Amino acid sequence: MPALEVVARPEFGKTDLEWLTHLRETRARSAGAPHFTLVFPGARSAEEVVKHVGETCAAIPRIRFCLRSAMIVPEHKMGLFHVFLVPDEGFGAIVRLHDQLHHGPLACCWHPDTPYIPHVTVASTTEPGAARQTMSMLNAKSLAITGRIEQIEVQERDGEVPRCLAKLPLKHGGLFH
């Protein structure tokens, strides 16, 4: 049975989007645009989840962020080392959105044993040295990849390919949002 997940597909400048997409395709073997996973797969009731996510989004302002550094996060169960780009600006806003989503029908998806780190995965490998090389290469640059989260998606995942069920806008308001 397919499981539901929630992701944010941020808006980036054209050059940054092309660079991130290429990096993900070549180093993470991940097709598609970069995204933040906000709720990992687990929930099953699409109608309840879409309603909950829509209500949550209506109260959360759009999020501006800036990716400035890379870090390695091991996934021991799979024997992988992931390289994440993490936001300096916007980190707290994304964490708060993640927290707000993990109530009601998405409470079952919360993993208290794993800290949530907002990130865009740019590399995955079984070799820690290769992950370290990628992280060092990225951190040697003066990264400043800005973006905005305007909406989030509820997706149904059955295997590797997710299918978008709903796109739900974050709250618009204020001069700087």
C-alpha atoms as a PDB file:
ATOM      1  CA  MET A   1       0.000   0.000   0.000  1.00  0.00           C
ATOM      2  CA  PRO A   2       1.402   3.442  -0.906  1.00  0.00           C
ATOM      3  CA  ALA A   3       2.524   5.760   1.888  1.00  0.00           C
ATOM      4  CA  LEU A   4       2.153   9.535   2.006  1.00  0.00           C
ATOM      5  CA  GLU A   5       4.955  12.046   2.459  1.00  0.00           C
ATOM      6  CA  VAL A   6       5.194  15.838   2.474  1.00  0.00           C
ATOM      7  CA  VAL A   7       7.892  17.795   0.639  1.00  0.00           C
ATOM      8  CA  ALA A   8       8.719  21.395  -0.198  1.00  0.00           C
ATOM      9  CA  ARG A   9      10.032  22.094  -3.701  1.00  0.00           C
ATOM     10  CA  PRO A  10      11.592  25.529  -3.282  1.00  0.00           C
ATOM     11  CA  GLU A  11      11.928  28.193  -5.910  1.00  0.00           C
ATOM     12  CA  PHE A  12      15.579  28.886  -6.789  1.00  0.00           C
ATOM     13  CA  GLY A  13      17.278  31.154  -9.289  1.00  0.00           C
ATOM     14  CA  LYS A  14      17.738  29.464 -12.682  1.00  0.00           C
ATOM     15  CA  THR A  15      21.524  28.990 -12.403  1.00  0.00           C
ATOM     16  CA  ASP A  16      21.329  27.640  -8.832  1.00  0.00           C
ATOM     17  CA  LEU A  17      18.498  25.276  -9.775  1.00  0.00           C
ATOM     18  CA  GLU A  18      20.446  23.901 -12.735  1.00  0.00           C
ATOM     19  CA  TRP A  19      23.593  23.444 -10.621  1.00  0.00           C
ATOM     20  CA  LEU A  20      21.724  21.740  -7.747  1.00  0.00           C
ATOM     21  CA  THR A  21      19.800  19.468 -10.124  1.00  0.00           C
ATOM     22  CA  HIS A  22      23.006  18.427 -11.895  1.00  0.00           C
ATOM     23  CA  LEU A  23      24.800  17.832  -8.580  1.00  0.00           C
ATOM     24  CA  ARG A  24      21.927  15.672  -7.314  1.00  0.00           C
ATOM     25  CA  GLU A  25      21.764  13.667 -10.554  1.00  0.00           C
ATOM     26  CA  THR A  26      25.502  12.960 -10.643  1.00  0.00           C
ATOM     27  CA  ARG A  27      26.327  12.563  -6.937  1.00  0.00           C
ATOM     28  CA  ALA A  28      23.072  11.428  -5.309  1.00  0.00           C
ATOM     29  CA  ARG A  29      21.636   9.556  -8.299  1.00  0.00           C
ATOM     30  CA  SER A  30      18.437  11.424  -7.606  1.00  0.00           C
ATOM     31  CA  ALA A  31      16.418  12.674 -10.534  1.00  0.00           C
ATOM     32  CA  GLY A  32      14.251  15.725 -10.244  1.00  0.00           C
ATOM     33  CA  ALA A  33      14.331  19.098  -8.639  1.00  0.00           C
ATOM     34  CA  PRO A  34      15.890  19.640  -5.197  1.00  0.00           C
ATOM     35  CA  HIS A  35      13.491  19.527  -2.258  1.00  0.00           C
ATOM     36  CA  PHE A  36      13.169  19.469   1.511  1.00  0.00           C
ATOM     37  CA  THR A  37      11.422  16.382   2.888  1.00  0.00           C
ATOM     38  CA  LEU A  38       9.180  17.642   5.680  1.00  0.00           C
ATOM     39  CA  VAL A  39       7.320  14.417   6.547  1.00  0.00           C
ATOM     40  CA  PHE A  40       8.788  11.041   5.687  1.00  0.00           C
ATOM     41  CA  PRO A  41       6.495   8.316   4.279  1.00  0.00           C
ATOM     42  CA  GLY A  42       4.136   6.645   6.688  1.00  0.00           C
ATOM     43  CA  ALA A  43       0.619   8.089   6.773  1.00  0.00           C
ATOM     44  CA  ARG A  44      -2.101   6.402   4.717  1.00  0.00           C
ATOM     45  CA  SER A  45      -5.282   8.526   4.736  1.00  0.00           C
ATOM     46  CA  ALA A  46      -4.859  10.970   1.838  1.00  0.00           C
ATOM     47  CA  GLU A  47      -8.015  12.953   2.534  1.00  0.00           C
ATOM     48  CA  GLU A  48      -7.125  13.584   6.194  1.00  0.00           C
ATOM     49  CA  VAL A  49      -3.492  14.376   5.399  1.00  0.00           C
ATOM     50  CA  VAL A  50      -4.320  16.860   2.631  1.00  0.00           C
ATOM     51  CA  LYS A  51      -6.831  18.607   4.914  1.00  0.00           C
ATOM     52  CA  HIS A  52      -4.327  18.792   7.800  1.00  0.00           C
ATOM     53  CA  VAL A  53      -1.495  20.027   5.572  1.00  0.00           C
ATOM     54  CA  GLY A  54      -3.762  22.668   4.009  1.00  0.00           C
ATOM     55  CA  GLU A  55      -4.816  23.968   7.438  1.00  0.00           C
ATOM     56  CA  THR A  56      -1.195  24.035   8.615  1.00  0.00           C
ATOM     57  CA  CYS A  57      -0.012  25.857   5.487  1.00  0.00           C
ATOM     58  CA  ALA A  58      -2.715  28.498   5.862  1.00  0.00           C
ATOM     59  CA  ALA A  59      -1.110  29.592   9.161  1.00  0.00           C
ATOM     60  CA  ILE A  60       2.591  29.424   8.151  1.00  0.00           C
ATOM     61  CA  PRO A  61       4.144  32.304   6.161  1.00  0.00           C
ATOM     62  CA  ARG A  62       6.263  31.630   3.085  1.00  0.00           C
ATOM     63  CA  ILE A  63       9.840  30.783   3.993  1.00  0.00           C
ATOM     64  CA  ARG A  64      12.991  32.392   2.624  1.00  0.00           C
ATOM     65  CA  PHE A  65      16.230  30.492   3.173  1.00  0.00           C
ATOM     66  CA  CYS A  66      19.886  30.414   2.170  1.00  0.00           C
ATOM     67  CA  LEU A  67      21.964  27.229   1.802  1.00  0.00           C
ATOM     68  CA  ARG A  68      25.523  28.022   2.897  1.00  0.00           C
ATOM     69  CA  SER A  69      27.159  24.812   4.122  1.00  0.00           C
ATOM     70  CA  ALA A  70      27.420  21.071   3.547  1.00  0.00           C
ATOM     71  CA  MET A  71      27.479  18.307   6.139  1.00  0.00           C
ATOM     72  CA  ILE A  72      27.662  14.508   6.125  1.00  0.00           C
ATOM     73  CA  VAL A  73      24.864  12.484   7.687  1.00  0.00           C
ATOM     74  CA  PRO A  74      25.283   8.701   7.841  1.00  0.00           C
ATOM     75  CA  GLU A  75      22.339   6.374   7.269  1.00  0.00           C
ATOM     76  CA  HIS A  76      23.598   3.303   9.104  1.00  0.00           C
ATOM     77  CA  LYS A  77      20.732   0.965   8.174  1.00  0.00           C
ATOM     78  CA  MET A  78      21.425   1.436   4.461  1.00  0.00           C
ATOM     79  CA  GLY A  79      25.203   1.775   4.763  1.00  0.00           C
ATOM     80  CA  LEU A  80      25.115   5.204   3.103  1.00  0.00           C
ATOM     81  CA  PHE A  81      26.714   8.566   3.736  1.00  0.00           C
ATOM     82  CA  HIS A  82      24.587  11.506   2.575  1.00  0.00           C
ATOM     83  CA  VAL A  83      25.897  14.991   1.905  1.00  0.00           C
ATOM     84  CA  PHE A  84      23.331  17.626   2.821  1.00  0.00           C
ATOM     85  CA  LEU A  85      23.233  21.311   1.987  1.00  0.00           C
ATOM     86  CA  VAL A  86      21.689  22.970   5.029  1.00  0.00           C
ATOM     87  CA  PRO A  87      20.230  26.443   5.371  1.00  0.00           C
ATOM     88  CA  ASP A  88      21.698  29.035   7.687  1.00  0.00           C
ATOM     89  CA  GLU A  89      18.860  31.501   7.153  1.00  0.00           C
ATOM     90  CA  GLY A  90      15.440  29.862   7.320  1.00  0.00           C
ATOM     91  CA  PHE A  91      16.584  26.848   9.357  1.00  0.00           C
ATOM     92  CA  GLY A  92      14.267  27.601  12.281  1.00  0.00           C
ATOM     93  CA  ALA A  93      11.257  28.369  10.084  1.00  0.00           C
ATOM     94  CA  ILE A  94      11.607  25.028   8.281  1.00  0.00           C
ATOM     95  CA  VAL A  95      12.016  23.166  11.596  1.00  0.00           C
ATOM     96  CA  ARG A  96       8.853  24.842  12.939  1.00  0.00           C
ATOM     97  CA  LEU A  97       6.924  23.885   9.776  1.00  0.00           C
ATOM     98  CA  HIS A  98       8.168  20.283  10.157  1.00  0.00           C
ATOM     99  CA  ASP A  99       6.975  20.273  13.780  1.00  0.00           C
ATOM    100  CA  GLN A 100       3.546  21.713  12.968  1.00  0.00           C
ATOM    101  CA  LEU A 101       2.962  19.097  10.272  1.00  0.00           C
ATOM    102  CA  HIS A 102       3.651  16.179  12.650  1.00  0.00           C
ATOM    103  CA  HIS A 103       0.284  16.377  14.431  1.00  0.00           C
ATOM    104  CA  GLY A 104      -3.065  14.761  13.707  1.00  0.00           C
ATOM    105  CA  PRO A 105      -2.890  12.277  10.824  1.00  0.00           C
ATOM    106  CA  LEU A 106       0.876  12.815  10.430  1.00  0.00           C
ATOM    107  CA  ALA A 107       1.798  12.201  14.096  1.00  0.00           C
ATOM    108  CA  CYS A 108       2.583   8.575  13.197  1.00  0.00           C
ATOM    109  CA  CYS A 109       5.390   9.792  10.881  1.00  0.00           C
ATOM    110  CA  TRP A 110       7.380  11.573  13.598  1.00  0.00           C
ATOM    111  CA  HIS A 111      10.687   9.844  14.393  1.00  0.00           C
ATOM    112  CA  PRO A 112      11.723  10.925  17.916  1.00  0.00           C
ATOM    113  CA  ASP A 113      14.969   8.940  17.625  1.00  0.00           C
ATOM    114  CA  THR A 114      16.185  10.936  14.601  1.00  0.00           C
ATOM    115  CA  PRO A 115      16.757  14.704  14.781  1.00  0.00           C
ATOM    116  CA  TYR A 116      15.263  16.630  11.884  1.00  0.00           C
ATOM    117  CA  ILE A 117      17.806  18.623   9.887  1.00  0.00           C
ATOM    118  CA  PRO A 118      16.330  20.712   7.068  1.00  0.00           C
ATOM    119  CA  HIS A 119      18.383  19.842   4.003  1.00  0.00           C
ATOM    120  CA  VAL A 120      18.711  19.271   0.305  1.00  0.00           C
ATOM    121  CA  THR A 121      20.522  15.989  -0.364  1.00  0.00           C
ATOM    122  CA  VAL A 122      23.247  16.552  -2.964  1.00  0.00           C
ATOM    123  CA  ALA A 123      25.256  13.314  -2.680  1.00  0.00           C
ATOM    124  CA  SER A 124      24.874   9.754  -1.408  1.00  0.00           C
ATOM    125  CA  THR A 125      27.597   7.123  -1.329  1.00  0.00           C
ATOM    126  CA  THR A 126      28.702   3.992   0.500  1.00  0.00           C
ATOM    127  CA  GLU A 127      32.224   5.436   0.755  1.00  0.00           C
ATOM    128  CA  PRO A 128      32.837   7.844   3.655  1.00  0.00           C
ATOM    129  CA  GLY A 129      35.941   9.238   1.903  1.00  0.00           C
ATOM    130  CA  ALA A 130      33.914  10.156  -1.180  1.00  0.00           C
ATOM    131  CA  ALA A 131      31.289  11.861   1.002  1.00  0.00           C
ATOM    132  CA  ARG A 132      34.046  13.775   2.808  1.00  0.00           C
ATOM    133  CA  GLN A 133      35.562  14.868  -0.522  1.00  0.00           C
ATOM    134  CA  THR A 134      32.202  16.165  -1.767  1.00  0.00           C
ATOM    135  CA  MET A 135      31.490  17.955   1.518  1.00  0.00           C
ATOM    136  CA  SER A 136      34.945  19.564   1.534  1.00  0.00           C
ATOM    137  CA  MET A 137      34.595  20.668  -2.095  1.00  0.00           C
ATOM    138  CA  LEU A 138      31.251  22.314  -1.324  1.00  0.00           C
ATOM    139  CA  ASN A 139      32.429  23.941   1.908  1.00  0.00           C
ATOM    140  CA  ALA A 140      35.491  25.376   0.127  1.00  0.00           C
ATOM    141  CA  LYS A 141      33.107  27.478  -1.988  1.00  0.00           C
ATOM    142  CA  SER A 142      31.375  30.600  -0.766  1.00  0.00           C
ATOM    143  CA  LEU A 143      27.933  29.050  -1.057  1.00  0.00           C
ATOM    144  CA  ALA A 144      24.940  31.342  -0.859  1.00  0.00           C
ATOM    145  CA  ILE A 145      22.056  29.577  -2.589  1.00  0.00           C
ATOM    146  CA  THR A 146      18.888  31.477  -1.820  1.00  0.00           C
ATOM    147  CA  GLY A 147      15.400  30.162  -2.265  1.00  0.00           C
ATOM    148  CA  ARG A 148      11.785  30.407  -1.160  1.00  0.00           C
ATOM    149  CA  ILE A 149       9.254  27.846  -0.056  1.00  0.00           C
ATOM    150  CA  GLU A 150       5.906  29.052  -1.380  1.00  0.00           C
ATOM    151  CA  GLN A 151       3.981  25.785  -1.216  1.00  0.00           C
ATOM    152  CA  ILE A 152       4.334  22.216  -0.077  1.00  0.00           C
ATOM    153  CA  GLU A 153       3.246  18.976  -1.697  1.00  0.00           C
ATOM    154  CA  VAL A 154       1.536  15.891  -0.365  1.00  0.00           C
ATOM    155  CA  GLN A 155       2.883  12.935  -2.296  1.00  0.00           C
ATOM    156  CA  GLU A 156       1.954   9.305  -2.519  1.00  0.00           C
ATOM    157  CA  ARG A 157       4.992   7.029  -2.678  1.00  0.00           C
ATOM    158  CA  ASP A 158       4.735   3.500  -4.031  1.00  0.00           C
ATOM    159  CA  GLY A 159       8.326   2.396  -4.593  1.00  0.00           C
ATOM    160  CA  GLU A 160      10.816   4.987  -5.827  1.00  0.00           C
ATOM    161  CA  VAL A 161       8.503   7.250  -7.808  1.00  0.00           C
ATOM    162  CA  PRO A 162       6.344   9.729  -5.859  1.00  0.00           C
ATOM    163  CA  ARG A 163       3.067  11.030  -7.257  1.00  0.00           C
ATOM    164  CA  CYS A 164       1.844  14.499  -6.276  1.00  0.00           C
ATOM    165  CA  LEU A 165      -1.633  14.421  -4.708  1.00  0.00           C
ATOM    166  CA  ALA A 166      -1.889  18.091  -3.724  1.00  0.00           C
ATOM    167  CA  LYS A 167       0.068  21.346  -3.806  1.00  0.00           C
ATOM    168  CA  LEU A 168      -0.823  23.576  -0.881  1.00  0.00           C
ATOM    169  CA  PRO A 169       0.313  27.211  -0.629  1.00  0.00           C
ATOM    170  CA  LEU A 170       1.866  28.704   2.469  1.00  0.00           C
ATOM    171  CA  LYS A 171       0.297  31.861   3.860  1.00  0.00           C
ATOM    172  CA  HIS A 172       1.017  35.060   1.922  1.00  0.00           C
ATOM    173  CA  GLY A 173       1.362  38.256   3.852  1.00  0.00           C
ATOM    174  CA  GLY A 174       3.574  41.123   4.810  1.00  0.00           C
ATOM    175  CA  LEU A 175       5.977  43.141   2.680  1.00  0.00           C
ATOM    176  CA  PHE A 176       8.847  40.671   2.860  1.00  0.00           C
ATOM    177  CA  HIS A 177       6.975  37.386   2.337  1.00  0.00           C
END
